[in-house]
């Protein structure tokens, strides 16, 4: 793929079902999609590919092949080109450029959510993207492209976005306070946030993390049914989308977590996995699984970069409550994480 060009809404109107989107929503989509190119003979996708992308041919000829034999040629500007190319996943054909091909590739989940919003009238998608002064960052696309969201049924994804509420804040506003009850899950959609934790030796709070557009927070207290373990303060003017506790647990948390019993956990460890103990250091020192590493739950965000993305982790605590919150955070960021059912006390 070579040059990528920004789109016009007039071009998008040539394709179905994009031509049914409201004007503002079509303009929001146009900001997220580019015209891409294939050289003659280059493969766009292969039979069996499972990447969830919706593809349209803009110009040139794209051959759909089965076992090397061309079954169909889609030419840009034709009636066939109005519809997505080989939309069923896994792909049933190999797509190969016969000449120079220009095409569009759109995240299928993103498109589905936008179409749902557009047809229900609940939101204009453009209202949910944040303003252009944050570098064009798109929180919705960021969330949908995380590996964790691949575990969530499409119907849940739509329901999550439909149930979210937008809240605006000024710089210095406290979004959530350490010690308070957990009530919402948050996605930062505009601006920056600072995460701090008050300790007996530091009443002003030690800095745990800085959050940017697309980052999420607030899930630990919802999953573990505990008090907030940190304070999140706006470092600039900005806004969040929030999802209520019940909706979060039913639509997002439950599908994302992989629970294992002790026997299954030990097999994962034997095959190269590691125990990750998210209890306090004093609890860990008193008793822990052999070979376990210890990162307290409230330090997970700060220390997550020290973990290996290629290593499976069995996250554990005494009961499974804190470890489920830790595993959620790891899964959300692309790590392979499992939760020990019942915790190490039961095991």
C-alpha atoms as a PDB file:
ATOM      1  CA  UNK A   1       0.000   0.000   0.000  1.00  0.00           C
ATOM      2  CA  UNK A   2       1.351   3.374  -0.891  1.00  0.00           C
ATOM      3  CA  UNK A   3      -0.212   6.819  -0.714  1.00  0.00           C
ATOM      4  CA  UNK A   4      -3.259   7.341   1.512  1.00  0.00           C
ATOM      5  CA  UNK A   5      -5.659  10.191   0.825  1.00  0.00           C
ATOM      6  CA  UNK A   6      -8.392  11.721   2.932  1.00  0.00           C
ATOM      7  CA  UNK A   7     -11.925  11.131   1.668  1.00  0.00           C
ATOM      8  CA  UNK A   8     -14.812  13.333   0.703  1.00  0.00           C
ATOM      9  CA  UNK A   9     -18.352  12.549   1.784  1.00  0.00           C
ATOM     10  CA  UNK A  10     -19.393  12.609  -1.884  1.00  0.00           C
ATOM     11  CA  UNK A  11     -17.178   9.605  -2.563  1.00  0.00           C
ATOM     12  CA  UNK A  12     -18.554   7.688   0.430  1.00  0.00           C
ATOM     13  CA  UNK A  13     -22.103   8.224  -0.812  1.00  0.00           C
ATOM     14  CA  UNK A  14     -21.269   5.930  -3.742  1.00  0.00           C
ATOM     15  CA  UNK A  15     -21.214   2.898  -1.429  1.00  0.00           C
ATOM     16  CA  UNK A  16     -23.900   0.957   0.401  1.00  0.00           C
ATOM     17  CA  UNK A  17     -24.918   1.241   3.221  1.00  0.00           C
ATOM     18  CA  UNK A  18     -22.767   4.358   3.692  1.00  0.00           C
ATOM     19  CA  UNK A  19     -25.144   6.289   1.433  1.00  0.00           C
ATOM     20  CA  UNK A  20     -27.810   5.920   4.140  1.00  0.00           C
ATOM     21  CA  UNK A  21     -25.832   7.724   6.858  1.00  0.00           C
ATOM     22  CA  UNK A  22     -26.843  11.214   7.992  1.00  0.00           C
ATOM     23  CA  UNK A  23     -24.622  13.992   6.654  1.00  0.00           C
ATOM     24  CA  UNK A  24     -22.825  14.684   9.954  1.00  0.00           C
ATOM     25  CA  UNK A  25     -22.217  11.024  10.613  1.00  0.00           C
ATOM     26  CA  UNK A  26     -20.911  10.493   7.087  1.00  0.00           C
ATOM     27  CA  UNK A  27     -18.509  13.401   7.649  1.00  0.00           C
ATOM     28  CA  UNK A  28     -17.346  11.807  10.920  1.00  0.00           C
ATOM     29  CA  UNK A  29     -16.669   8.538   9.099  1.00  0.00           C
ATOM     30  CA  UNK A  30     -14.790  10.337   6.315  1.00  0.00           C
ATOM     31  CA  UNK A  31     -12.256  11.596   8.866  1.00  0.00           C
ATOM     32  CA  UNK A  32     -11.402   8.027   9.842  1.00  0.00           C
ATOM     33  CA  UNK A  33     -11.004   6.418   6.417  1.00  0.00           C
ATOM     34  CA  UNK A  34      -8.374   6.796   3.702  1.00  0.00           C
ATOM     35  CA  UNK A  35      -8.112   5.718   0.070  1.00  0.00           C
ATOM     36  CA  UNK A  36      -5.504   2.970  -0.065  1.00  0.00           C
ATOM     37  CA  UNK A  37      -3.737   1.444  -3.044  1.00  0.00           C
ATOM     38  CA  UNK A  38      -2.692  -1.970  -4.337  1.00  0.00           C
ATOM     39  CA  UNK A  39      -0.122  -2.597  -7.055  1.00  0.00           C
ATOM     40  CA  UNK A  40      -0.932  -5.088  -9.852  1.00  0.00           C
ATOM     41  CA  UNK A  41      -0.698  -8.622  -8.478  1.00  0.00           C
ATOM     42  CA  UNK A  42      -0.802  -7.539  -4.838  1.00  0.00           C
ATOM     43  CA  UNK A  43      -3.060  -9.472  -2.441  1.00  0.00           C
ATOM     44  CA  UNK A  44      -5.648  -7.532  -0.436  1.00  0.00           C
ATOM     45  CA  UNK A  45      -6.774 -10.491   1.664  1.00  0.00           C
ATOM     46  CA  UNK A  46      -6.584 -14.265   1.493  1.00  0.00           C
ATOM     47  CA  UNK A  47      -9.259 -16.938   1.735  1.00  0.00           C
ATOM     48  CA  UNK A  48      -9.819 -17.716   5.418  1.00  0.00           C
ATOM     49  CA  UNK A  49      -8.717 -14.294   6.691  1.00  0.00           C
ATOM     50  CA  UNK A  50     -10.731 -13.234   9.747  1.00  0.00           C
ATOM     51  CA  UNK A  51      -9.847  -9.550  10.107  1.00  0.00           C
ATOM     52  CA  UNK A  52     -13.093  -7.608  10.543  1.00  0.00           C
ATOM     53  CA  UNK A  53     -12.725  -4.969   7.822  1.00  0.00           C
ATOM     54  CA  UNK A  54     -15.352  -3.724   5.362  1.00  0.00           C
ATOM     55  CA  UNK A  55     -13.733  -3.182   1.958  1.00  0.00           C
ATOM     56  CA  UNK A  56     -14.922  -1.200  -1.088  1.00  0.00           C
ATOM     57  CA  UNK A  57     -13.237  -0.920  -4.516  1.00  0.00           C
ATOM     58  CA  UNK A  58     -12.900   2.739  -5.588  1.00  0.00           C
ATOM     59  CA  UNK A  59     -11.043   2.226  -8.876  1.00  0.00           C
ATOM     60  CA  UNK A  60      -9.234  -0.525 -10.769  1.00  0.00           C
ATOM     61  CA  UNK A  61     -10.035  -4.224 -11.031  1.00  0.00           C
ATOM     62  CA  UNK A  62      -9.967  -6.605  -8.067  1.00  0.00           C
ATOM     63  CA  UNK A  63     -10.195 -10.345  -8.763  1.00  0.00           C
ATOM     64  CA  UNK A  64     -11.868 -12.703  -6.291  1.00  0.00           C
ATOM     65  CA  UNK A  65     -10.181 -16.094  -6.582  1.00  0.00           C
ATOM     66  CA  UNK A  66     -10.871 -19.597  -5.319  1.00  0.00           C
ATOM     67  CA  UNK A  67      -7.870 -21.976  -5.426  1.00  0.00           C
ATOM     68  CA  UNK A  68      -6.136 -19.631  -7.846  1.00  0.00           C
ATOM     69  CA  UNK A  69      -9.076 -19.488 -10.272  1.00  0.00           C
ATOM     70  CA  UNK A  70     -10.784 -16.124 -10.794  1.00  0.00           C
ATOM     71  CA  UNK A  71     -14.504 -16.337 -10.040  1.00  0.00           C
ATOM     72  CA  UNK A  72     -15.392 -12.658 -10.158  1.00  0.00           C
ATOM     73  CA  UNK A  73     -13.791  -9.321 -11.033  1.00  0.00           C
ATOM     74  CA  UNK A  74     -14.997  -6.196  -9.243  1.00  0.00           C
ATOM     75  CA  UNK A  75     -14.272  -2.957 -11.084  1.00  0.00           C
ATOM     76  CA  UNK A  76     -14.375   0.424  -9.404  1.00  0.00           C
ATOM     77  CA  UNK A  77     -17.434   2.486 -10.374  1.00  0.00           C
ATOM     78  CA  UNK A  78     -19.543  -0.557 -11.297  1.00  0.00           C
ATOM     79  CA  UNK A  79     -22.801  -1.582  -9.630  1.00  0.00           C
ATOM     80  CA  UNK A  80     -20.971  -4.487  -7.951  1.00  0.00           C
ATOM     81  CA  UNK A  81     -18.457  -2.078  -6.434  1.00  0.00           C
ATOM     82  CA  UNK A  82     -21.231  -0.274  -4.530  1.00  0.00           C
ATOM     83  CA  UNK A  83     -21.340  -3.165  -2.056  1.00  0.00           C
ATOM     84  CA  UNK A  84     -18.628  -4.486   0.293  1.00  0.00           C
ATOM     85  CA  UNK A  85     -16.139  -6.950  -1.193  1.00  0.00           C
ATOM     86  CA  UNK A  86     -16.551 -10.548   0.045  1.00  0.00           C
ATOM     87  CA  UNK A  87     -18.139  -9.379   3.321  1.00  0.00           C
ATOM     88  CA  UNK A  88     -18.439 -12.789   5.013  1.00  0.00           C
ATOM     89  CA  UNK A  89     -15.728 -13.577   7.604  1.00  0.00           C
ATOM     90  CA  UNK A  90     -13.746 -15.850   7.373  1.00  0.00           C
ATOM     91  CA  UNK A  91     -13.190 -14.665   3.794  1.00  0.00           C
ATOM     92  CA  UNK A  92     -14.417 -17.079   1.141  1.00  0.00           C
ATOM     93  CA  UNK A  93     -12.084 -15.778  -1.564  1.00  0.00           C
ATOM     94  CA  UNK A  94      -8.591 -14.426  -2.107  1.00  0.00           C
ATOM     95  CA  UNK A  95      -8.693 -10.835  -3.410  1.00  0.00           C
ATOM     96  CA  UNK A  96      -5.916  -9.943  -5.873  1.00  0.00           C
ATOM     97  CA  UNK A  97      -5.370  -6.714  -7.794  1.00  0.00           C
ATOM     98  CA  UNK A  98      -5.414  -7.114 -11.600  1.00  0.00           C
ATOM     99  CA  UNK A  99      -4.139  -3.583 -12.097  1.00  0.00           C
ATOM    100  CA  UNK A 100      -3.628  -0.529  -9.884  1.00  0.00           C
ATOM    101  CA  UNK A 101      -6.509  -0.678  -7.381  1.00  0.00           C
ATOM    102  CA  UNK A 102      -7.727   2.023  -5.028  1.00  0.00           C
ATOM    103  CA  UNK A 103      -9.919   0.835  -2.164  1.00  0.00           C
ATOM    104  CA  UNK A 104     -11.438   1.735   1.200  1.00  0.00           C
ATOM    105  CA  UNK A 105     -10.989  -0.361   4.341  1.00  0.00           C
ATOM    106  CA  UNK A 106     -13.228   0.379   7.348  1.00  0.00           C
ATOM    107  CA  UNK A 107     -13.282  -1.290  10.774  1.00  0.00           C
ATOM    108  CA  UNK A 108     -16.473  -3.393  10.581  1.00  0.00           C
ATOM    109  CA  UNK A 109     -17.389  -2.991  14.256  1.00  0.00           C
ATOM    110  CA  UNK A 110     -16.921   0.771  14.027  1.00  0.00           C
ATOM    111  CA  UNK A 111     -19.150   0.947  10.949  1.00  0.00           C
ATOM    112  CA  UNK A 112     -21.800  -1.214  12.607  1.00  0.00           C
ATOM    113  CA  UNK A 113     -21.893   1.008  15.700  1.00  0.00           C
ATOM    114  CA  UNK A 114     -22.121   4.148  13.549  1.00  0.00           C
ATOM    115  CA  UNK A 115     -24.967   2.712  11.495  1.00  0.00           C
ATOM    116  CA  UNK A 116     -26.807   1.733  14.676  1.00  0.00           C
ATOM    117  CA  UNK A 117     -26.376   5.195  16.179  1.00  0.00           C
ATOM    118  CA  UNK A 118     -27.441   6.809  12.928  1.00  0.00           C
ATOM    119  CA  UNK A 119     -30.624   4.773  12.633  1.00  0.00           C
ATOM    120  CA  UNK A 120     -31.689   5.029  16.267  1.00  0.00           C
ATOM    121  CA  UNK A 121     -31.120   8.774  16.404  1.00  0.00           C
ATOM    122  CA  UNK A 122     -29.681   8.509  19.933  1.00  0.00           C
ATOM    123  CA  UNK A 123     -26.536  10.444  19.028  1.00  0.00           C
ATOM    124  CA  UNK A 124     -24.891  12.092  16.130  1.00  0.00           C
ATOM    125  CA  UNK A 125     -21.606  10.199  15.890  1.00  0.00           C
ATOM    126  CA  UNK A 126     -19.761  13.481  15.389  1.00  0.00           C
ATOM    127  CA  UNK A 127     -20.799  14.512  18.908  1.00  0.00           C
ATOM    128  CA  UNK A 128     -18.917  11.556  20.364  1.00  0.00           C
ATOM    129  CA  UNK A 129     -15.553  11.986  18.710  1.00  0.00           C
ATOM    130  CA  UNK A 130     -14.098  14.803  20.792  1.00  0.00           C
ATOM    131  CA  UNK A 131     -13.008  18.077  19.264  1.00  0.00           C
ATOM    132  CA  UNK A 132     -10.320  18.391  16.617  1.00  0.00           C
ATOM    133  CA  UNK A 133      -7.915  20.124  19.010  1.00  0.00           C
ATOM    134  CA  UNK A 134      -6.793  16.826  20.540  1.00  0.00           C
ATOM    135  CA  UNK A 135      -4.857  15.727  17.479  1.00  0.00           C
ATOM    136  CA  UNK A 136      -7.698  13.794  15.875  1.00  0.00           C
ATOM    137  CA  UNK A 137      -7.538  10.997  18.438  1.00  0.00           C
ATOM    138  CA  UNK A 138     -10.617   8.803  18.227  1.00  0.00           C
ATOM    139  CA  UNK A 139     -11.565   7.081  21.487  1.00  0.00           C
ATOM    140  CA  UNK A 140     -14.247   4.939  19.880  1.00  0.00           C
ATOM    141  CA  UNK A 141     -11.904   3.489  17.254  1.00  0.00           C
ATOM    142  CA  UNK A 142      -9.206   2.972  19.899  1.00  0.00           C
ATOM    143  CA  UNK A 143     -11.566   0.920  22.054  1.00  0.00           C
ATOM    144  CA  UNK A 144     -12.891  -1.173  19.191  1.00  0.00           C
ATOM    145  CA  UNK A 145      -9.390  -2.040  17.996  1.00  0.00           C
ATOM    146  CA  UNK A 146      -8.199  -3.383  21.361  1.00  0.00           C
ATOM    147  CA  UNK A 147      -7.840  -7.162  21.465  1.00  0.00           C
ATOM    148  CA  UNK A 148     -10.132  -7.367  24.463  1.00  0.00           C
ATOM    149  CA  UNK A 149     -13.106  -6.071  22.483  1.00  0.00           C
ATOM    150  CA  UNK A 150     -12.727  -8.985  20.067  1.00  0.00           C
ATOM    151  CA  UNK A 151     -14.112 -11.229  22.837  1.00  0.00           C
ATOM    152  CA  UNK A 152     -17.294  -9.200  23.196  1.00  0.00           C
ATOM    153  CA  UNK A 153     -20.386 -10.095  21.133  1.00  0.00           C
ATOM    154  CA  UNK A 154     -21.311  -7.415  18.553  1.00  0.00           C
ATOM    155  CA  UNK A 155     -24.716  -6.916  20.177  1.00  0.00           C
ATOM    156  CA  UNK A 156     -22.950  -6.103  23.454  1.00  0.00           C
ATOM    157  CA  UNK A 157     -20.657  -3.607  21.743  1.00  0.00           C
ATOM    158  CA  UNK A 158     -23.627  -1.762  20.299  1.00  0.00           C
ATOM    159  CA  UNK A 159     -25.416  -1.769  23.647  1.00  0.00           C
ATOM    160  CA  UNK A 160     -22.307  -0.470  25.439  1.00  0.00           C
ATOM    161  CA  UNK A 161     -21.981   2.564  23.206  1.00  0.00           C
ATOM    162  CA  UNK A 162     -25.711   3.206  23.194  1.00  0.00           C
ATOM    163  CA  UNK A 163     -25.847   3.260  27.009  1.00  0.00           C
ATOM    164  CA  UNK A 164     -22.823   5.508  27.524  1.00  0.00           C
ATOM    165  CA  UNK A 165     -23.336   9.073  28.768  1.00  0.00           C
ATOM    166  CA  UNK A 166     -21.102  12.020  27.870  1.00  0.00           C
ATOM    167  CA  UNK A 167     -19.867  14.226  30.751  1.00  0.00           C
ATOM    168  CA  UNK A 168     -17.774  17.388  30.331  1.00  0.00           C
ATOM    169  CA  UNK A 169     -15.165  18.564  32.858  1.00  0.00           C
ATOM    170  CA  UNK A 170     -12.893  21.545  33.478  1.00  0.00           C
ATOM    171  CA  UNK A 171      -9.194  21.299  34.288  1.00  0.00           C
ATOM    172  CA  UNK A 172      -8.770  20.390  37.972  1.00  0.00           C
ATOM    173  CA  UNK A 173     -12.162  18.703  38.295  1.00  0.00           C
ATOM    174  CA  UNK A 174     -12.153  15.390  40.159  1.00  0.00           C
ATOM    175  CA  UNK A 175     -13.786  12.666  38.066  1.00  0.00           C
ATOM    176  CA  UNK A 176     -13.619  10.022  40.783  1.00  0.00           C
ATOM    177  CA  UNK A 177     -12.280  10.112  44.342  1.00  0.00           C
ATOM    178  CA  UNK A 178     -10.219   7.541  46.230  1.00  0.00           C
ATOM    179  CA  UNK A 179     -12.354   5.833  48.864  1.00  0.00           C
ATOM    180  CA  UNK A 180     -15.682   6.456  47.119  1.00  0.00           C
ATOM    181  CA  UNK A 181     -18.014   3.678  45.983  1.00  0.00           C
ATOM    182  CA  UNK A 182     -17.643   2.463  42.399  1.00  0.00           C
ATOM    183  CA  UNK A 183     -20.549   3.475  40.202  1.00  0.00           C
ATOM    184  CA  UNK A 184     -19.296   4.026  36.635  1.00  0.00           C
ATOM    185  CA  UNK A 185     -16.743   2.816  34.091  1.00  0.00           C
ATOM    186  CA  UNK A 186     -15.106   5.687  32.164  1.00  0.00           C
ATOM    187  CA  UNK A 187     -13.526   6.279  28.749  1.00  0.00           C
ATOM    188  CA  UNK A 188     -11.553   9.501  28.306  1.00  0.00           C
ATOM    189  CA  UNK A 189     -12.752  11.087  25.051  1.00  0.00           C
ATOM    190  CA  UNK A 190     -11.078  14.512  25.213  1.00  0.00           C
ATOM    191  CA  UNK A 191      -8.225  15.994  27.240  1.00  0.00           C
ATOM    192  CA  UNK A 192      -5.888  14.390  29.798  1.00  0.00           C
ATOM    193  CA  UNK A 193      -6.307  12.948  33.314  1.00  0.00           C
ATOM    194  CA  UNK A 194      -3.950  12.343  36.220  1.00  0.00           C
ATOM    195  CA  UNK A 195      -4.310   9.223  38.409  1.00  0.00           C
ATOM    196  CA  UNK A 196      -3.028   9.601  41.992  1.00  0.00           C
ATOM    197  CA  UNK A 197      -3.183   7.509  45.165  1.00  0.00           C
ATOM    198  CA  UNK A 198      -3.082   8.954  48.680  1.00  0.00           C
ATOM    199  CA  UNK A 199      -0.850   7.102  51.171  1.00  0.00           C
ATOM    200  CA  UNK A 200      -0.202   7.585  54.896  1.00  0.00           C
ATOM    201  CA  UNK A 201       3.113   9.231  54.002  1.00  0.00           C
ATOM    202  CA  UNK A 202       1.827  11.291  51.104  1.00  0.00           C
ATOM    203  CA  UNK A 203      -1.545  12.994  51.567  1.00  0.00           C
ATOM    204  CA  UNK A 204      -1.207  14.846  48.246  1.00  0.00           C
ATOM    205  CA  UNK A 205      -1.060  11.520  46.464  1.00  0.00           C
ATOM    206  CA  UNK A 206       1.597   9.726  44.437  1.00  0.00           C
ATOM    207  CA  UNK A 207       1.229   9.779  40.674  1.00  0.00           C
ATOM    208  CA  UNK A 208       0.230   6.397  39.256  1.00  0.00           C
ATOM    209  CA  UNK A 209      -0.524   7.233  35.634  1.00  0.00           C
ATOM    210  CA  UNK A 210      -1.456   9.890  33.088  1.00  0.00           C
ATOM    211  CA  UNK A 211      -4.461   9.075  30.919  1.00  0.00           C
ATOM    212  CA  UNK A 212      -4.956  10.145  27.306  1.00  0.00           C
ATOM    213  CA  UNK A 213      -7.822   9.985  24.824  1.00  0.00           C
ATOM    214  CA  UNK A 214      -9.057   6.387  24.499  1.00  0.00           C
ATOM    215  CA  UNK A 215      -7.801   5.306  27.918  1.00  0.00           C
ATOM    216  CA  UNK A 216     -10.272   3.729  30.343  1.00  0.00           C
ATOM    217  CA  UNK A 217     -10.526   3.838  34.120  1.00  0.00           C
ATOM    218  CA  UNK A 218     -12.806   3.029  37.038  1.00  0.00           C
ATOM    219  CA  UNK A 219     -13.186  -0.669  36.289  1.00  0.00           C
ATOM    220  CA  UNK A 220     -11.292  -1.988  39.342  1.00  0.00           C
ATOM    221  CA  UNK A 221     -13.896  -0.893  41.901  1.00  0.00           C
ATOM    222  CA  UNK A 222     -16.778  -2.155  39.742  1.00  0.00           C
ATOM    223  CA  UNK A 223     -15.312  -5.619  39.259  1.00  0.00           C
ATOM    224  CA  UNK A 224     -14.041  -6.125  42.808  1.00  0.00           C
ATOM    225  CA  UNK A 225     -17.078  -4.396  44.379  1.00  0.00           C
ATOM    226  CA  UNK A 226     -14.669  -2.328  46.470  1.00  0.00           C
ATOM    227  CA  UNK A 227     -13.954   1.342  47.135  1.00  0.00           C
ATOM    228  CA  UNK A 228     -12.110   3.460  44.573  1.00  0.00           C
ATOM    229  CA  UNK A 229      -8.369   2.831  45.011  1.00  0.00           C
ATOM    230  CA  UNK A 230      -7.205   6.064  43.380  1.00  0.00           C
ATOM    231  CA  UNK A 231      -8.288   9.592  42.480  1.00  0.00           C
ATOM    232  CA  UNK A 232      -8.635  10.683  38.851  1.00  0.00           C
ATOM    233  CA  UNK A 233      -8.363  14.425  38.184  1.00  0.00           C
ATOM    234  CA  UNK A 234      -8.662  16.303  34.902  1.00  0.00           C
ATOM    235  CA  UNK A 235      -5.268  17.705  33.869  1.00  0.00           C
ATOM    236  CA  UNK A 236      -7.004  19.806  31.186  1.00  0.00           C
ATOM    237  CA  UNK A 237     -10.498  20.637  30.022  1.00  0.00           C
ATOM    238  CA  UNK A 238     -12.033  17.502  28.596  1.00  0.00           C
ATOM    239  CA  UNK A 239     -14.842  14.980  28.562  1.00  0.00           C
ATOM    240  CA  UNK A 240     -15.560  11.329  29.294  1.00  0.00           C
ATOM    241  CA  UNK A 241     -18.101   8.726  28.297  1.00  0.00           C
ATOM    242  CA  UNK A 242     -19.326   6.700  31.268  1.00  0.00           C
ATOM    243  CA  UNK A 243     -21.141   3.380  31.602  1.00  0.00           C
ATOM    244  CA  UNK A 244     -23.120   2.371  34.698  1.00  0.00           C
ATOM    245  CA  UNK A 245     -21.957  -0.475  36.948  1.00  0.00           C
ATOM    246  CA  UNK A 246     -24.674  -2.986  36.033  1.00  0.00           C
ATOM    247  CA  UNK A 247     -24.283  -2.393  32.294  1.00  0.00           C
ATOM    248  CA  UNK A 248     -20.497  -2.622  32.607  1.00  0.00           C
ATOM    249  CA  UNK A 249     -20.572  -5.958  34.420  1.00  0.00           C
ATOM    250  CA  UNK A 250     -23.173  -7.539  32.149  1.00  0.00           C
ATOM    251  CA  UNK A 251     -22.040  -6.232  28.768  1.00  0.00           C
ATOM    252  CA  UNK A 252     -18.301  -5.742  29.107  1.00  0.00           C
ATOM    253  CA  UNK A 253     -16.741  -7.454  32.110  1.00  0.00           C
ATOM    254  CA  UNK A 254     -18.322 -10.908  32.004  1.00  0.00           C
ATOM    255  CA  UNK A 255     -17.561 -11.664  28.314  1.00  0.00           C
ATOM    256  CA  UNK A 256     -13.969 -10.439  28.678  1.00  0.00           C
ATOM    257  CA  UNK A 257     -12.747 -12.580  31.589  1.00  0.00           C
ATOM    258  CA  UNK A 258     -11.388 -16.120  31.263  1.00  0.00           C
ATOM    259  CA  UNK A 259     -11.772 -18.061  34.545  1.00  0.00           C
ATOM    260  CA  UNK A 260      -9.681 -21.181  35.250  1.00  0.00           C
ATOM    261  CA  UNK A 261      -9.593 -23.674  38.118  1.00  0.00           C
ATOM    262  CA  UNK A 262      -6.340 -24.714  39.805  1.00  0.00           C
ATOM    263  CA  UNK A 263      -5.728 -27.672  37.487  1.00  0.00           C
ATOM    264  CA  UNK A 264      -6.180 -25.522  34.382  1.00  0.00           C
ATOM    265  CA  UNK A 265      -4.024 -22.781  35.897  1.00  0.00           C
ATOM    266  CA  UNK A 266      -1.162 -25.183  36.615  1.00  0.00           C
ATOM    267  CA  UNK A 267      -1.229 -26.398  32.992  1.00  0.00           C
ATOM    268  CA  UNK A 268      -0.926 -22.793  31.806  1.00  0.00           C
ATOM    269  CA  UNK A 269       2.058 -22.305  34.143  1.00  0.00           C
ATOM    270  CA  UNK A 270       3.681 -25.547  32.943  1.00  0.00           C
ATOM    271  CA  UNK A 271       3.329 -24.339  29.339  1.00  0.00           C
ATOM    272  CA  UNK A 272       5.234 -21.115  29.970  1.00  0.00           C
ATOM    273  CA  UNK A 273       2.698 -18.983  31.835  1.00  0.00           C
ATOM    274  CA  UNK A 274       3.320 -17.041  35.045  1.00  0.00           C
ATOM    275  CA  UNK A 275       1.388 -16.442  38.250  1.00  0.00           C
ATOM    276  CA  UNK A 276       0.617 -12.748  38.765  1.00  0.00           C
ATOM    277  CA  UNK A 277      -0.355 -11.991  42.370  1.00  0.00           C
ATOM    278  CA  UNK A 278      -2.199  -8.657  42.697  1.00  0.00           C
ATOM    279  CA  UNK A 279      -2.463  -8.578  46.500  1.00  0.00           C
ATOM    280  CA  UNK A 280      -0.547  -6.222  48.785  1.00  0.00           C
ATOM    281  CA  UNK A 281       3.153  -7.015  49.345  1.00  0.00           C
ATOM    282  CA  UNK A 282       2.473  -8.027  52.956  1.00  0.00           C
ATOM    283  CA  UNK A 283      -0.140 -10.562  51.838  1.00  0.00           C
ATOM    284  CA  UNK A 284       2.183 -11.868  49.141  1.00  0.00           C
ATOM    285  CA  UNK A 285       5.083 -12.284  51.558  1.00  0.00           C
ATOM    286  CA  UNK A 286       2.896 -14.247  53.949  1.00  0.00           C
ATOM    287  CA  UNK A 287       1.815 -16.777  51.330  1.00  0.00           C
ATOM    288  CA  UNK A 288       1.966 -17.020  47.546  1.00  0.00           C
ATOM    289  CA  UNK A 289       2.117 -19.477  44.652  1.00  0.00           C
ATOM    290  CA  UNK A 290       5.591 -20.744  43.736  1.00  0.00           C
ATOM    291  CA  UNK A 291       7.219 -18.484  41.165  1.00  0.00           C
ATOM    292  CA  UNK A 292       4.522 -15.816  41.377  1.00  0.00           C
ATOM    293  CA  UNK A 293       5.381 -12.198  40.668  1.00  0.00           C
ATOM    294  CA  UNK A 294       3.694  -9.526  42.778  1.00  0.00           C
ATOM    295  CA  UNK A 295       2.170  -6.328  41.393  1.00  0.00           C
ATOM    296  CA  UNK A 296      -0.507  -4.866  43.705  1.00  0.00           C
ATOM    297  CA  UNK A 297      -3.743  -4.082  41.908  1.00  0.00           C
ATOM    298  CA  UNK A 298      -3.400  -0.327  42.352  1.00  0.00           C
ATOM    299  CA  UNK A 299       0.049  -0.455  40.652  1.00  0.00           C
ATOM    300  CA  UNK A 300      -1.083  -2.505  37.639  1.00  0.00           C
ATOM    301  CA  UNK A 301      -1.418   0.479  35.291  1.00  0.00           C
ATOM    302  CA  UNK A 302       1.976   1.851  36.314  1.00  0.00           C
ATOM    303  CA  UNK A 303       3.824  -1.469  36.021  1.00  0.00           C
ATOM    304  CA  UNK A 304       2.007  -3.075  33.105  1.00  0.00           C
ATOM    305  CA  UNK A 305       4.807  -2.202  30.673  1.00  0.00           C
ATOM    306  CA  UNK A 306       7.151  -4.506  32.650  1.00  0.00           C
ATOM    307  CA  UNK A 307       5.026  -7.532  31.697  1.00  0.00           C
ATOM    308  CA  UNK A 308       5.621  -9.606  28.564  1.00  0.00           C
ATOM    309  CA  UNK A 309       2.828  -9.470  25.995  1.00  0.00           C
ATOM    310  CA  UNK A 310       3.781 -12.971  24.776  1.00  0.00           C
ATOM    311  CA  UNK A 311       3.464 -14.572  28.231  1.00  0.00           C
ATOM    312  CA  UNK A 312       0.102 -15.892  29.515  1.00  0.00           C
ATOM    313  CA  UNK A 313      -0.618 -14.716  33.068  1.00  0.00           C
ATOM    314  CA  UNK A 314      -2.798 -16.420  35.664  1.00  0.00           C
ATOM    315  CA  UNK A 315      -3.880 -13.543  37.893  1.00  0.00           C
ATOM    316  CA  UNK A 316      -4.561 -14.459  41.493  1.00  0.00           C
ATOM    317  CA  UNK A 317      -5.511 -13.004  44.872  1.00  0.00           C
ATOM    318  CA  UNK A 318      -7.062 -14.543  47.981  1.00  0.00           C
ATOM    319  CA  UNK A 319     -10.660 -14.792  46.693  1.00  0.00           C
ATOM    320  CA  UNK A 320     -10.640 -13.967  42.964  1.00  0.00           C
ATOM    321  CA  UNK A 321     -12.185 -10.536  43.381  1.00  0.00           C
ATOM    322  CA  UNK A 322      -9.103  -8.340  43.004  1.00  0.00           C
ATOM    323  CA  UNK A 323      -7.557 -10.708  40.491  1.00  0.00           C
ATOM    324  CA  UNK A 324     -10.599 -10.421  38.207  1.00  0.00           C
ATOM    325  CA  UNK A 325     -10.080  -6.641  38.169  1.00  0.00           C
ATOM    326  CA  UNK A 326      -6.396  -7.112  37.374  1.00  0.00           C
ATOM    327  CA  UNK A 327      -7.107  -9.616  34.610  1.00  0.00           C
ATOM    328  CA  UNK A 328      -9.631  -7.246  33.064  1.00  0.00           C
ATOM    329  CA  UNK A 329      -7.017  -4.464  32.864  1.00  0.00           C
ATOM    330  CA  UNK A 330      -4.474  -6.830  31.298  1.00  0.00           C
ATOM    331  CA  UNK A 331      -6.989  -8.229  28.795  1.00  0.00           C
ATOM    332  CA  UNK A 332      -8.116  -4.746  27.834  1.00  0.00           C
ATOM    333  CA  UNK A 333      -4.527  -3.899  26.911  1.00  0.00           C
ATOM    334  CA  UNK A 334      -3.899  -6.993  24.825  1.00  0.00           C
ATOM    335  CA  UNK A 335      -2.329  -9.340  27.382  1.00  0.00           C
ATOM    336  CA  UNK A 336      -3.377 -12.987  27.658  1.00  0.00           C
ATOM    337  CA  UNK A 337      -4.784 -13.124  31.182  1.00  0.00           C
ATOM    338  CA  UNK A 338      -6.726 -15.714  33.170  1.00  0.00           C
ATOM    339  CA  UNK A 339      -8.373 -15.479  36.595  1.00  0.00           C
ATOM    340  CA  UNK A 340      -7.922 -18.178  39.227  1.00  0.00           C
ATOM    341  CA  UNK A 341     -11.471 -19.129  40.219  1.00  0.00           C
ATOM    342  CA  UNK A 342     -12.039 -18.757  43.955  1.00  0.00           C
ATOM    343  CA  UNK A 343      -8.542 -17.387  44.574  1.00  0.00           C
ATOM    344  CA  UNK A 344      -5.518 -19.030  46.185  1.00  0.00           C
ATOM    345  CA  UNK A 345      -7.318 -19.518  49.516  1.00  0.00           C
ATOM    346  CA  UNK A 346      -9.738 -21.929  47.858  1.00  0.00           C
ATOM    347  CA  UNK A 347      -7.016 -23.457  45.688  1.00  0.00           C
END
